[in-house]
Structures are given as C-alpha cells and as structure tokens.
C-alpha cells in the first residue's frame, strides 16, 4: 500500500537522466517508470511479464533495467516500462536492493535490519 512519496533520479545506459516523484508502493514488486521518462533516458524492453493488480485484474508490461538514485542510496534495478497514464512507483525489489524498508507508521524509508545467523 503506497502512502508516501520520495524523489529519485533514474539513469539510462548512456547516462541520460530523469527525475521523478515516486509513490512508495509496498504492494508493488518492481518499480515503474512512466513512458516519457523511460523513453527519454533510452531504455529498451528486455522482456515482458504479467502482473496482478490489487483488484485481481492482470496487465502485461515490458521490463528493462536502470540505475535508480534516492536520498537513501543508489542501485541497479529492474523497472516496468509504463504506458500512457501509468504513474512512477517504487517497488519492493528496488527497496530491498537499496537495503531499506518502508515503515508504515512513520511513512518513511528506513535501513533494513539484517540478521546474521
């Protein structure tokens, strides 16, 4: 469930960048870039996947990868290549790659606590 936003920058394979205001969506697996952003930074589809939405409906979207930078750090992450009307989302794979988790009580991103067993 997304209830907060974070500013971030995505970088394409040739160094072109786009800044976005991402909705932190702890129910989303992958982050999503709107078409005007992923096209501007030169991303190309690498594969296609089907996703289930909260209402149970399905959608197919193309997937690529890019560098994503947030105040909490920088990571290489898979991203959904959005279509017209899609909004920027920050999904859990990107959050885990950054080593952060969403705290729903404070509506902030916090460092993940790692346990060594």
PDB file of N, CA and C in Angstrom:
ATOM      1  N   UNK A   1       0.848  -1.175   0.000  1.00  0.00           N
ATOM      2  CA  UNK A   1       0.000   0.000   0.000  1.00  0.00           C
ATOM      3  C   UNK A   1       0.892   1.236   0.000  1.00  0.00           C
ATOM      4  N   UNK A   2       0.724   2.119  -0.961  1.00  0.00           N
ATOM      5  CA  UNK A   2       1.547   3.309  -1.050  1.00  0.00           C
ATOM      6  C   UNK A   2       0.900   4.489  -0.371  1.00  0.00           C
ATOM      7  N   UNK A   3       1.626   5.094   0.547  1.00  0.00           N
ATOM      8  CA  UNK A   3       1.072   6.259   1.230  1.00  0.00           C
ATOM      9  C   UNK A   3       2.075   7.389   1.382  1.00  0.00           C
ATOM     10  N   UNK A   4       3.198   7.288   0.711  1.00  0.00           N
ATOM     11  CA  UNK A   4       4.184   8.356   0.773  1.00  0.00           C
ATOM     12  C   UNK A   4       4.947   8.428  -0.538  1.00  0.00           C
ATOM     13  N   UNK A   5       5.632   9.544  -0.736  1.00  0.00           N
ATOM     14  CA  UNK A   5       6.387   9.776  -1.963  1.00  0.00           C
ATOM     15  C   UNK A   5       7.843  10.031  -1.641  1.00  0.00           C
ATOM     16  N   UNK A   6       8.720   9.738  -2.620  1.00  0.00           N
ATOM     17  CA  UNK A   6      10.145  10.019  -2.479  1.00  0.00           C
ATOM     18  C   UNK A   6      10.672  10.490  -3.835  1.00  0.00           C
ATOM     19  N   UNK A   7      11.568  11.470  -3.797  1.00  0.00           N
ATOM     20  CA  UNK A   7      12.187  11.985  -5.028  1.00  0.00           C
ATOM     21  C   UNK A   7      13.347  11.089  -5.419  1.00  0.00           C
ATOM     22  N   UNK A   8      13.457  10.834  -6.713  1.00  0.00           N
ATOM     23  CA  UNK A   8      14.544   9.992  -7.193  1.00  0.00           C
ATOM     24  C   UNK A   8      14.947  10.348  -8.609  1.00  0.00           C
ATOM     25  N   UNK A   9      16.088   9.812  -9.016  1.00  0.00           N
ATOM     26  CA  UNK A   9      16.601  10.029 -10.363  1.00  0.00           C
ATOM     27  C   UNK A   9      16.935   8.678 -10.969  1.00  0.00           C
ATOM     28  N   UNK A  10      16.505   8.467 -12.209  1.00  0.00           N
ATOM     29  CA  UNK A  10      16.856   7.247 -12.931  1.00  0.00           C
ATOM     30  C   UNK A  10      17.832   7.601 -14.037  1.00  0.00           C
ATOM     31  N   UNK A  11      18.762   6.687 -14.294  1.00  0.00           N
ATOM     32  CA  UNK A  11      19.796   6.906 -15.301  1.00  0.00           C
ATOM     33  C   UNK A  11      19.782   5.745 -16.287  1.00  0.00           C
ATOM     34  N   UNK A  12      19.762   6.088 -17.569  1.00  0.00           N
ATOM     35  CA  UNK A  12      19.754   5.083 -18.627  1.00  0.00           C
ATOM     36  C   UNK A  12      21.140   4.600 -18.980  1.00  0.00           C
ATOM     37  N   UNK A  13      21.239   3.688 -19.947  1.00  0.00           N
ATOM     38  CA  UNK A  13      22.513   3.058 -20.289  1.00  0.00           C
ATOM     39  C   UNK A  13      23.553   4.019 -20.859  1.00  0.00           C
ATOM     40  N   UNK A  14      23.127   5.142 -21.400  1.00  0.00           N
ATOM     41  CA  UNK A  14      24.068   6.114 -21.964  1.00  0.00           C
ATOM     42  C   UNK A  14      24.231   7.348 -21.087  1.00  0.00           C
ATOM     43  N   UNK A  15      23.748   7.275 -19.837  1.00  0.00           N
ATOM     44  CA  UNK A  15      23.944   8.360 -18.886  1.00  0.00           C
ATOM     45  C   UNK A  15      22.850   9.414 -18.850  1.00  0.00           C
ATOM     46  N   UNK A  16      21.849   9.307 -19.710  1.00  0.00           N
ATOM     47  CA  UNK A  16      20.741  10.278 -19.652  1.00  0.00           C
ATOM     48  C   UNK A  16      19.917  10.029 -18.409  1.00  0.00           C
ATOM     49  N   UNK A  17      19.438  11.139 -17.803  1.00  0.00           N
ATOM     50  CA  UNK A  17      18.734  11.041 -16.532  1.00  0.00           C
ATOM     51  C   UNK A  17      17.352  11.664 -16.588  1.00  0.00           C
ATOM     52  N   UNK A  18      16.516  11.221 -15.646  1.00  0.00           N
ATOM     53  CA  UNK A  18      15.165  11.744 -15.483  1.00  0.00           C
ATOM     54  C   UNK A  18      14.873  11.755 -13.986  1.00  0.00           C
ATOM     55  N   UNK A  19      14.367  12.861 -13.470  1.00  0.00           N
ATOM     56  CA  UNK A  19      13.995  12.947 -12.060  1.00  0.00           C
ATOM     57  C   UNK A  19      12.497  12.753 -11.918  1.00  0.00           C
ATOM     58  N   UNK A  20      12.104  11.987 -10.906  1.00  0.00           N
ATOM     59  CA  UNK A  20      10.702  11.646 -10.695  1.00  0.00           C
ATOM     60  C   UNK A  20      10.332  11.722  -9.224  1.00  0.00           C
ATOM     61  N   UNK A  21       9.055  11.857  -8.974  1.00  0.00           N
ATOM     62  CA  UNK A  21       8.485  11.745  -7.629  1.00  0.00           C
ATOM     63  C   UNK A  21       7.767  10.402  -7.587  1.00  0.00           C
ATOM     64  N   UNK A  22       8.373   9.422  -6.891  1.00  0.00           N
ATOM     65  CA  UNK A  22       7.860   8.063  -6.836  1.00  0.00           C
ATOM     66  C   UNK A  22       6.879   7.885  -5.687  1.00  0.00           C
ATOM     67  N   UNK A  23       5.789   7.184  -5.954  1.00  0.00           N
ATOM     68  CA  UNK A  23       4.914   6.704  -4.894  1.00  0.00           C
ATOM     69  C   UNK A  23       5.545   5.435  -4.345  1.00  0.00           C
ATOM     70  N   UNK A  24       5.811   5.378  -3.047  1.00  0.00           N
ATOM     71  CA  UNK A  24       6.342   4.169  -2.429  1.00  0.00           C
ATOM     72  C   UNK A  24       5.179   3.190  -2.317  1.00  0.00           C
ATOM     73  N   UNK A  25       5.285   2.073  -3.015  1.00  0.00           N
ATOM     74  CA  UNK A  25       4.196   1.103  -3.071  1.00  0.00           C
ATOM     75  C   UNK A  25       4.697  -0.242  -2.572  1.00  0.00           C
ATOM     76  N   UNK A  26       4.460  -0.512  -1.288  1.00  0.00           N
ATOM     77  CA  UNK A  26       4.958  -1.751  -0.687  1.00  0.00           C
ATOM     78  C   UNK A  26       4.221  -2.979  -1.210  1.00  0.00           C
ATOM     79  N   UNK A  27       3.190  -2.784  -2.033  1.00  0.00           N
ATOM     80  CA  UNK A  27       2.493  -3.897  -2.663  1.00  0.00           C
ATOM     81  C   UNK A  27       2.985  -4.179  -4.071  1.00  0.00           C
ATOM     82  N   UNK A  28       3.859  -3.322  -4.587  1.00  0.00           N
ATOM     83  CA  UNK A  28       4.391  -3.496  -5.943  1.00  0.00           C
ATOM     84  C   UNK A  28       5.720  -4.241  -5.881  1.00  0.00           C
ATOM     85  N   UNK A  29       5.899  -5.197  -6.761  1.00  0.00           N
ATOM     86  CA  UNK A  29       7.156  -5.941  -6.809  1.00  0.00           C
ATOM     87  C   UNK A  29       8.250  -5.083  -7.435  1.00  0.00           C
ATOM     88  N   UNK A  30       8.009  -4.593  -8.660  1.00  0.00           N
ATOM     89  CA  UNK A  30       9.001  -3.791  -9.377  1.00  0.00           C
ATOM     90  C   UNK A  30       8.615  -2.319  -9.375  1.00  0.00           C
ATOM     91  N   UNK A  31       9.609  -1.470  -9.535  1.00  0.00           N
ATOM     92  CA  UNK A  31       9.367  -0.041  -9.717  1.00  0.00           C
ATOM     93  C   UNK A  31       8.862   0.182 -11.136  1.00  0.00           C
ATOM     94  N   UNK A  32       8.141   1.278 -11.336  1.00  0.00           N
ATOM     95  CA  UNK A  32       7.541   1.576 -12.631  1.00  0.00           C
ATOM     96  C   UNK A  32       7.925   2.976 -13.074  1.00  0.00           C
ATOM     97  N   UNK A  33       8.307   3.111 -14.338  1.00  0.00           N
ATOM     98  CA  UNK A  33       8.636   4.411 -14.919  1.00  0.00           C
ATOM     99  C   UNK A  33       7.586   4.765 -15.959  1.00  0.00           C
ATOM    100  N   UNK A  34       7.078   6.008 -15.953  1.00  0.00           N
ATOM    101  CA  UNK A  34       6.136   6.421 -16.994  1.00  0.00           C
ATOM    102  C   UNK A  34       6.854   6.519 -18.341  1.00  0.00           C
ATOM    103  N   UNK A  35       6.102   6.438 -19.454  1.00  0.00           N
ATOM    104  CA  UNK A  35       6.738   6.375 -20.771  1.00  0.00           C
ATOM    105  C   UNK A  35       7.617   7.576 -21.107  1.00  0.00           C
ATOM    106  N   UNK A  36       7.215   8.772 -20.712  1.00  0.00           N
ATOM    107  CA  UNK A  36       8.026   9.946 -21.047  1.00  0.00           C
ATOM    108  C   UNK A  36       9.397   9.905 -20.390  1.00  0.00           C
ATOM    109  N   UNK A  37       9.511   9.207 -19.260  1.00  0.00           N
ATOM    110  CA  UNK A  37      10.795   9.095 -18.567  1.00  0.00           C
ATOM    111  C   UNK A  37      11.658   7.993 -19.177  1.00  0.00           C
ATOM    112  N   UNK A  38      11.125   6.768 -19.285  1.00  0.00           N
ATOM    113  CA  UNK A  38      11.977   5.672 -19.769  1.00  0.00           C
ATOM    114  C   UNK A  38      12.388   5.872 -21.217  1.00  0.00           C
ATOM    115  N   UNK A  39      11.547   6.516 -22.005  1.00  0.00           N
ATOM    116  CA  UNK A  39      11.923   6.806 -23.389  1.00  0.00           C
ATOM    117  C   UNK A  39      13.011   7.885 -23.432  1.00  0.00           C
ATOM    118  N   UNK A  40      12.909   8.901 -22.567  1.00  0.00           N
ATOM    119  CA  UNK A  40      13.889   9.995 -22.532  1.00  0.00           C
ATOM    120  C   UNK A  40      15.288   9.513 -22.134  1.00  0.00           C
ATOM    121  N   UNK A  41      15.367   8.482 -21.271  1.00  0.00           N
ATOM    122  CA  UNK A  41      16.689   8.007 -20.837  1.00  0.00           C
ATOM    123  C   UNK A  41      17.194   6.844 -21.692  1.00  0.00           C
ATOM    124  N   UNK A  42      16.419   6.454 -22.684  1.00  0.00           N
ATOM    125  CA  UNK A  42      16.890   5.466 -23.654  1.00  0.00           C
ATOM    126  C   UNK A  42      16.780   4.013 -23.249  1.00  0.00           C
ATOM    127  N   UNK A  43      15.800   3.672 -22.414  1.00  0.00           N
ATOM    128  CA  UNK A  43      15.635   2.267 -22.046  1.00  0.00           C
ATOM    129  C   UNK A  43      14.958   1.496 -23.171  1.00  0.00           C
ATOM    130  N   UNK A  44      15.356   0.245 -23.326  1.00  0.00           N
ATOM    131  CA  UNK A  44      14.765  -0.665 -24.301  1.00  0.00           C
ATOM    132  C   UNK A  44      14.180  -1.862 -23.548  1.00  0.00           C
ATOM    133  N   UNK A  45      13.034  -2.382 -24.000  1.00  0.00           N
ATOM    134  CA  UNK A  45      12.461  -3.570 -23.356  1.00  0.00           C
ATOM    135  C   UNK A  45      13.407  -4.761 -23.454  1.00  0.00           C
ATOM    136  N   UNK A  46      13.501  -5.530 -22.366  1.00  0.00           N
ATOM    137  CA  UNK A  46      14.324  -6.745 -22.352  1.00  0.00           C
ATOM    138  C   UNK A  46      13.468  -8.003 -22.286  1.00  0.00           C
ATOM    139  N   UNK A  47      12.283  -7.873 -21.698  1.00  0.00           N
ATOM    140  CA  UNK A  47      11.341  -8.989 -21.598  1.00  0.00           C
ATOM    141  C   UNK A  47       9.963  -8.433 -21.269  1.00  0.00           C
ATOM    142  N   UNK A  48       8.977  -9.304 -21.178  1.00  0.00           N
ATOM    143  CA  UNK A  48       7.614  -8.898 -20.843  1.00  0.00           C
ATOM    144  C   UNK A  48       7.096  -9.809 -19.745  1.00  0.00           C
ATOM    145  N   UNK A  49       6.309  -9.237 -18.824  1.00  0.00           N
ATOM    146  CA  UNK A  49       5.756 -10.016 -17.715  1.00  0.00           C
ATOM    147  C   UNK A  49       4.292  -9.660 -17.511  1.00  0.00           C
ATOM    148  N   UNK A  50       3.579 -10.572 -16.877  1.00  0.00           N
ATOM    149  CA  UNK A  50       2.199 -10.291 -16.479  1.00  0.00           C
ATOM    150  C   UNK A  50       2.183  -9.973 -14.993  1.00  0.00           C
ATOM    151  N   UNK A  51       1.421  -8.960 -14.623  1.00  0.00           N
ATOM    152  CA  UNK A  51       1.300  -8.534 -13.228  1.00  0.00           C
ATOM    153  C   UNK A  51      -0.153  -8.578 -12.808  1.00  0.00           C
ATOM    154  N   UNK A  52      -0.392  -8.946 -11.569  1.00  0.00           N
ATOM    155  CA  UNK A  52      -1.740  -8.921 -10.988  1.00  0.00           C
ATOM    156  C   UNK A  52      -1.881  -7.652 -10.151  1.00  0.00           C
ATOM    157  N   UNK A  53      -2.967  -6.946 -10.372  1.00  0.00           N
ATOM    158  CA  UNK A  53      -3.250  -5.735  -9.609  1.00  0.00           C
ATOM    159  C   UNK A  53      -4.037  -6.100  -8.353  1.00  0.00           C
ATOM    160  N   UNK A  54      -4.162  -5.137  -7.442  1.00  0.00           N
ATOM    161  CA  UNK A  54      -4.854  -5.380  -6.173  1.00  0.00           C
ATOM    162  C   UNK A  54      -6.295  -5.830  -6.384  1.00  0.00           C
ATOM    163  N   UNK A  55      -6.913  -5.391  -7.463  1.00  0.00           N
ATOM    164  CA  UNK A  55      -8.306  -5.780  -7.731  1.00  0.00           C
ATOM    165  C   UNK A  55      -8.424  -7.138  -8.405  1.00  0.00           C
ATOM    166  N   UNK A  56      -7.289  -7.818  -8.634  1.00  0.00           N
ATOM    167  CA  UNK A  56      -7.289  -9.136  -9.239  1.00  0.00           C
ATOM    168  C   UNK A  56      -7.124  -9.146 -10.753  1.00  0.00           C
ATOM    169  N   UNK A  57      -7.229  -7.984 -11.376  1.00  0.00           N
ATOM    170  CA  UNK A  57      -7.057  -7.929 -12.829  1.00  0.00           C
ATOM    171  C   UNK A  57      -5.582  -8.090 -13.193  1.00  0.00           C
ATOM    172  N   UNK A  58      -5.346  -8.456 -14.452  1.00  0.00           N
ATOM    173  CA  UNK A  58      -3.979  -8.681 -14.920  1.00  0.00           C
ATOM    174  C   UNK A  58      -3.605  -7.639 -15.969  1.00  0.00           C
ATOM    175  N   UNK A  59      -2.317  -7.329 -16.035  1.00  0.00           N
ATOM    176  CA  UNK A  59      -1.799  -6.438 -17.079  1.00  0.00           C
ATOM    177  C   UNK A  59      -0.438  -6.970 -17.506  1.00  0.00           C
ATOM    178  N   UNK A  60      -0.107  -6.750 -18.756  1.00  0.00           N
ATOM    179  CA  UNK A  60       1.216  -7.122 -19.274  1.00  0.00           C
ATOM    180  C   UNK A  60       2.005  -5.848 -19.500  1.00  0.00           C
ATOM    181  N   UNK A  61       3.262  -5.857 -19.071  1.00  0.00           N
ATOM    182  CA  UNK A  61       4.141  -4.710 -19.275  1.00  0.00           C
ATOM    183  C   UNK A  61       5.530  -5.224 -19.624  1.00  0.00           C
ATOM    184  N   UNK A  62       6.247  -4.412 -20.364  1.00  0.00           N
ATOM    185  CA  UNK A  62       7.632  -4.711 -20.712  1.00  0.00           C
ATOM    186  C   UNK A  62       8.527  -4.303 -19.542  1.00  0.00           C
ATOM    187  N   UNK A  63       9.677  -4.992 -19.427  1.00  0.00           N
ATOM    188  CA  UNK A  63      10.619  -4.789 -18.328  1.00  0.00           C
ATOM    189  C   UNK A  63      11.976  -4.397 -18.899  1.00  0.00           C
ATOM    190  N   UNK A  64      12.666  -3.509 -18.185  1.00  0.00           N
ATOM    191  CA  UNK A  64      14.042  -3.166 -18.519  1.00  0.00           C
ATOM    192  C   UNK A  64      14.798  -3.011 -17.206  1.00  0.00           C
ATOM    193  N   UNK A  65      15.967  -2.385 -17.262  1.00  0.00           N
ATOM    194  CA  UNK A  65      16.779  -2.145 -16.062  1.00  0.00           C
ATOM    195  C   UNK A  65      17.409  -0.770 -16.163  1.00  0.00           C
ATOM    196  N   UNK A  66      17.635  -0.148 -15.011  1.00  0.00           N
ATOM    197  CA  UNK A  66      18.307   1.152 -14.999  1.00  0.00           C
ATOM    198  C   UNK A  66      18.949   1.379 -13.628  1.00  0.00           C
ATOM    199  N   UNK A  67      19.698   2.451 -13.527  1.00  0.00           N
ATOM    200  CA  UNK A  67      20.258   2.882 -12.248  1.00  0.00           C
ATOM    201  C   UNK A  67      19.257   3.829 -11.625  1.00  0.00           C
ATOM    202  N   UNK A  68      18.945   3.634 -10.343  1.00  0.00           N
ATOM    203  CA  UNK A  68      17.993   4.476  -9.625  1.00  0.00           C
ATOM    204  C   UNK A  68      18.679   5.044  -8.393  1.00  0.00           C
ATOM    205  N   UNK A  69      18.582   6.354  -8.230  1.00  0.00           N
ATOM    206  CA  UNK A  69      19.207   7.031  -7.098  1.00  0.00           C
ATOM    207  C   UNK A  69      18.138   7.719  -6.258  1.00  0.00           C
ATOM    208  N   UNK A  70      18.157   7.426  -4.961  1.00  0.00           N
ATOM    209  CA  UNK A  70      17.271   8.055  -3.974  1.00  0.00           C
ATOM    210  C   UNK A  70      18.150   8.698  -2.907  1.00  0.00           C
ATOM    211  N   UNK A  71      17.584   9.501  -2.024  1.00  0.00           N
ATOM    212  CA  UNK A  71      18.390  10.031  -0.916  1.00  0.00           C
ATOM    213  C   UNK A  71      19.033   8.910  -0.082  1.00  0.00           C
ATOM    214  N   UNK A  72      18.420   7.715  -0.084  1.00  0.00           N
ATOM    215  CA  UNK A  72      18.925   6.595   0.709  1.00  0.00           C
ATOM    216  C   UNK A  72      20.041   5.822   0.016  1.00  0.00           C
ATOM    217  N   UNK A  73      20.331   6.129  -1.235  1.00  0.00           N
ATOM    218  CA  UNK A  73      21.394   5.416  -1.931  1.00  0.00           C
ATOM    219  C   UNK A  73      21.103   5.222  -3.404  1.00  0.00           C
ATOM    220  N   UNK A  74      21.909   4.367  -4.018  1.00  0.00           N
ATOM    221  CA  UNK A  74      21.830   4.131  -5.456  1.00  0.00           C
ATOM    222  C   UNK A  74      21.892   2.635  -5.711  1.00  0.00           C
ATOM    223  N   UNK A  75      21.139   2.168  -6.726  1.00  0.00           N
ATOM    224  CA  UNK A  75      21.141   0.749  -7.066  1.00  0.00           C
ATOM    225  C   UNK A  75      20.804   0.551  -8.531  1.00  0.00           C
ATOM    226  N   UNK A  76      21.169  -0.601  -9.054  1.00  0.00           N
ATOM    227  CA  UNK A  76      20.743  -1.039 -10.373  1.00  0.00           C
ATOM    228  C   UNK A  76      19.494  -1.886 -10.126  1.00  0.00           C
ATOM    229  N   UNK A  77      18.408  -1.632 -10.870  1.00  0.00           N
ATOM    230  CA  UNK A  77      17.149  -2.301 -10.558  1.00  0.00           C
ATOM    231  C   UNK A  77      16.316  -2.584 -11.801  1.00  0.00           C
ATOM    232  N   UNK A  78      15.536  -3.672 -11.777  1.00  0.00           N
ATOM    233  CA  UNK A  78      14.577  -3.862 -12.858  1.00  0.00           C
ATOM    234  C   UNK A  78      13.453  -2.837 -12.728  1.00  0.00           C
ATOM    235  N   UNK A  79      12.906  -2.409 -13.860  1.00  0.00           N
ATOM    236  CA  UNK A  79      11.791  -1.455 -13.859  1.00  0.00           C
ATOM    237  C   UNK A  79      10.759  -1.864 -14.901  1.00  0.00           C
ATOM    238  N   UNK A  80       9.504  -1.592 -14.581  1.00  0.00           N
ATOM    239  CA  UNK A  80       8.416  -1.781 -15.527  1.00  0.00           C
ATOM    240  C   UNK A  80       8.382  -0.565 -16.432  1.00  0.00           C
ATOM    241  N   UNK A  81       8.299  -0.796 -17.734  1.00  0.00           N
ATOM    242  CA  UNK A  81       8.193   0.297 -18.695  1.00  0.00           C
ATOM    243  C   UNK A  81       6.710   0.635 -18.835  1.00  0.00           C
ATOM    244  N   UNK A  82       6.314   1.691 -18.155  1.00  0.00           N
ATOM    245  CA  UNK A  82       4.913   2.074 -18.110  1.00  0.00           C
ATOM    246  C   UNK A  82       4.372   2.542 -19.446  1.00  0.00           C
ATOM    247  N   UNK A  83       3.043   2.597 -19.523  1.00  0.00           N
ATOM    248  CA  UNK A  83       2.342   3.110 -20.687  1.00  0.00           C
ATOM    249  C   UNK A  83       1.634   4.406 -20.282  1.00  0.00           C
ATOM    250  N   UNK A  84       1.071   5.084 -21.257  1.00  0.00           N
ATOM    251  CA  UNK A  84       0.378   6.350 -21.007  1.00  0.00           C
ATOM    252  C   UNK A  84      -0.597   6.205 -19.835  1.00  0.00           C
ATOM    253  N   UNK A  85      -0.501   7.107 -18.879  1.00  0.00           N
ATOM    254  CA  UNK A  85      -1.368   7.085 -17.706  1.00  0.00           C
ATOM    255  C   UNK A  85      -0.770   6.407 -16.493  1.00  0.00           C
ATOM    256  N   UNK A  86       0.307   5.611 -16.663  1.00  0.00           N
ATOM    257  CA  UNK A  86       0.969   4.977 -15.520  1.00  0.00           C
ATOM    258  C   UNK A  86       1.761   6.021 -14.742  1.00  0.00           C
ATOM    259  N   UNK A  87       1.779   5.877 -13.433  1.00  0.00           N
ATOM    260  CA  UNK A  87       2.486   6.800 -12.542  1.00  0.00           C
ATOM    261  C   UNK A  87       3.751   6.135 -11.994  1.00  0.00           C
ATOM    262  N   UNK A  88       4.778   6.939 -11.654  1.00  0.00           N
ATOM    263  CA  UNK A  88       6.014   6.369 -11.098  1.00  0.00           C
ATOM    264  C   UNK A  88       5.764   5.669  -9.761  1.00  0.00           C
ATOM    265  N   UNK A  89       6.193   4.424  -9.669  1.00  0.00           N
ATOM    266  CA  UNK A  89       6.069   3.644  -8.440  1.00  0.00           C
ATOM    267  C   UNK A  89       7.434   3.144  -8.013  1.00  0.00           C
ATOM    268  N   UNK A  90       7.640   3.050  -6.721  1.00  0.00           N
ATOM    269  CA  UNK A  90       8.856   2.482  -6.155  1.00  0.00           C
ATOM    270  C   UNK A  90       8.472   1.161  -5.502  1.00  0.00           C
ATOM    271  N   UNK A  91       8.928   0.042  -6.074  1.00  0.00           N
ATOM    272  CA  UNK A  91       8.545  -1.280  -5.598  1.00  0.00           C
ATOM    273  C   UNK A  91       9.547  -1.898  -4.637  1.00  0.00           C
ATOM    274  N   UNK A  92       9.158  -3.044  -4.081  1.00  0.00           N
ATOM    275  CA  UNK A  92       9.960  -3.665  -3.024  1.00  0.00           C
ATOM    276  C   UNK A  92      11.297  -4.219  -3.499  1.00  0.00           C
ATOM    277  N   UNK A  93      11.412  -4.644  -4.755  1.00  0.00           N
ATOM    278  CA  UNK A  93      12.713  -5.138  -5.228  1.00  0.00           C
ATOM    279  C   UNK A  93      13.739  -4.014  -5.165  1.00  0.00           C
ATOM    280  N   UNK A  94      13.358  -2.826  -5.615  1.00  0.00           N
ATOM    281  CA  UNK A  94      14.269  -1.672  -5.553  1.00  0.00           C
ATOM    282  C   UNK A  94      14.589  -1.323  -4.100  1.00  0.00           C
ATOM    283  N   UNK A  95      13.577  -1.321  -3.244  1.00  0.00           N
ATOM    284  CA  UNK A  95      13.808  -1.007  -1.828  1.00  0.00           C
ATOM    285  C   UNK A  95      14.775  -2.012  -1.201  1.00  0.00           C
ATOM    286  N   UNK A  96      14.574  -3.292  -1.487  1.00  0.00           N
ATOM    287  CA  UNK A  96      15.468  -4.321  -0.941  1.00  0.00           C
ATOM    288  C   UNK A  96      16.878  -4.176  -1.488  1.00  0.00           C
ATOM    289  N   UNK A  97      17.003  -3.841  -2.776  1.00  0.00           N
ATOM    290  CA  UNK A  97      18.329  -3.619  -3.358  1.00  0.00           C
ATOM    291  C   UNK A  97      19.048  -2.471  -2.656  1.00  0.00           C
ATOM    292  N   UNK A  98      18.291  -1.470  -2.217  1.00  0.00           N
ATOM    293  CA  UNK A  98      18.863  -0.322  -1.504  1.00  0.00           C
ATOM    294  C   UNK A  98      19.092  -0.614  -0.022  1.00  0.00           C
ATOM    295  N   UNK A  99      18.561  -1.736   0.467  1.00  0.00           N
ATOM    296  CA  UNK A  99      18.705  -2.074   1.883  1.00  0.00           C
ATOM    297  C   UNK A  99      17.814  -1.242   2.779  1.00  0.00           C
ATOM    298  N   UNK A 100      16.643  -0.846   2.258  1.00  0.00           N
ATOM    299  CA  UNK A 100      15.696  -0.063   3.058  1.00  0.00           C
ATOM    300  C   UNK A 100      14.328  -0.738   3.053  1.00  0.00           C
ATOM    301  N   UNK A 101      13.535  -0.408   4.047  1.00  0.00           N
ATOM    302  CA  UNK A 101      12.154  -0.880   4.150  1.00  0.00           C
ATOM    303  C   UNK A 101      11.251   0.322   4.404  1.00  0.00           C
ATOM    304  N   UNK A 102       9.997   0.163   4.035  1.00  0.00           N
ATOM    305  CA  UNK A 102       9.011   1.212   4.275  1.00  0.00           C
ATOM    306  C   UNK A 102       8.387   1.009   5.646  1.00  0.00           C
ATOM    307  N   UNK A 103       8.443   2.042   6.487  1.00  0.00           N
ATOM    308  CA  UNK A 103       7.811   2.000   7.803  1.00  0.00           C
ATOM    309  C   UNK A 103       6.446   2.670   7.673  1.00  0.00           C
ATOM    310  N   UNK A 104       5.345   1.893   7.737  1.00  0.00           N
ATOM    311  CA  UNK A 104       4.023   2.481   7.537  1.00  0.00           C
ATOM    312  C   UNK A 104       3.572   3.401   8.674  1.00  0.00           C
ATOM    313  N   UNK A 105       4.188   3.270   9.845  1.00  0.00           N
ATOM    314  CA  UNK A 105       3.797   4.106  10.980  1.00  0.00           C
ATOM    315  C   UNK A 105       4.350   5.519  10.859  1.00  0.00           C
ATOM    316  N   UNK A 106       5.596   5.623  10.367  1.00  0.00           N
ATOM    317  CA  UNK A 106       6.210   6.946  10.221  1.00  0.00           C
ATOM    318  C   UNK A 106       6.179   7.441   8.781  1.00  0.00           C
ATOM    319  N   UNK A 107       5.741   6.554   7.861  1.00  0.00           N
ATOM    320  CA  UNK A 107       5.695   6.856   6.428  1.00  0.00           C
ATOM    321  C   UNK A 107       7.063   7.284   5.893  1.00  0.00           C
ATOM    322  N   UNK A 108       8.093   6.550   6.330  1.00  0.00           N
ATOM    323  CA  UNK A 108       9.461   6.848   5.901  1.00  0.00           C
ATOM    324  C   UNK A 108      10.156   5.571   5.456  1.00  0.00           C
ATOM    325  N   UNK A 109      11.245   5.751   4.708  1.00  0.00           N
ATOM    326  CA  UNK A 109      12.111   4.638   4.358  1.00  0.00           C
ATOM    327  C   UNK A 109      13.203   4.561   5.404  1.00  0.00           C
ATOM    328  N   UNK A 110      13.444   3.356   5.935  1.00  0.00           N
ATOM    329  CA  UNK A 110      14.433   3.178   6.989  1.00  0.00           C
ATOM    330  C   UNK A 110      15.385   2.041   6.604  1.00  0.00           C
ATOM    331  N   UNK A 111      16.610   2.080   7.159  1.00  0.00           N
ATOM    332  CA  UNK A 111      17.552   0.998   6.875  1.00  0.00           C
ATOM    333  C   UNK A 111      16.991  -0.353   7.303  1.00  0.00           C
ATOM    334  N   UNK A 112      17.210  -1.357   6.463  1.00  0.00           N
ATOM    335  CA  UNK A 112      16.771  -2.709   6.757  1.00  0.00           C
ATOM    336  C   UNK A 112      17.671  -3.271   7.845  1.00  0.00           C
ATOM    337  N   UNK A 113      17.094  -3.971   8.797  1.00  0.00           N
ATOM    338  CA  UNK A 113      17.892  -4.603   9.851  1.00  0.00           C
ATOM    339  C   UNK A 113      18.206  -6.019   9.404  1.00  0.00           C
ATOM    340  N   UNK A 114      19.484  -6.287   9.249  1.00  0.00           N
ATOM    341  CA  UNK A 114      19.929  -7.592   8.775  1.00  0.00           C
ATOM    342  C   UNK A 114      20.305  -8.464   9.965  1.00  0.00           C
ATOM    343  N   UNK A 115      19.903  -9.707   9.928  1.00  0.00           N
ATOM    344  CA  UNK A 115      20.276 -10.670  10.957  1.00  0.00           C
ATOM    345  C   UNK A 115      21.262 -11.655  10.366  1.00  0.00           C
ATOM    346  N   UNK A 116      22.355 -11.861  11.064  1.00  0.00           N
ATOM    347  CA  UNK A 116      23.329 -12.871  10.663  1.00  0.00           C
ATOM    348  C   UNK A 116      23.111 -14.100  11.524  1.00  0.00           C
ATOM    349  N   UNK A 117      22.907 -15.221  10.887  1.00  0.00           N
ATOM    350  CA  UNK A 117      22.620 -16.446  11.642  1.00  0.00           C
ATOM    351  C   UNK A 117      23.804 -17.383  11.561  1.00  0.00           C
TER     352      UNK A 117
END
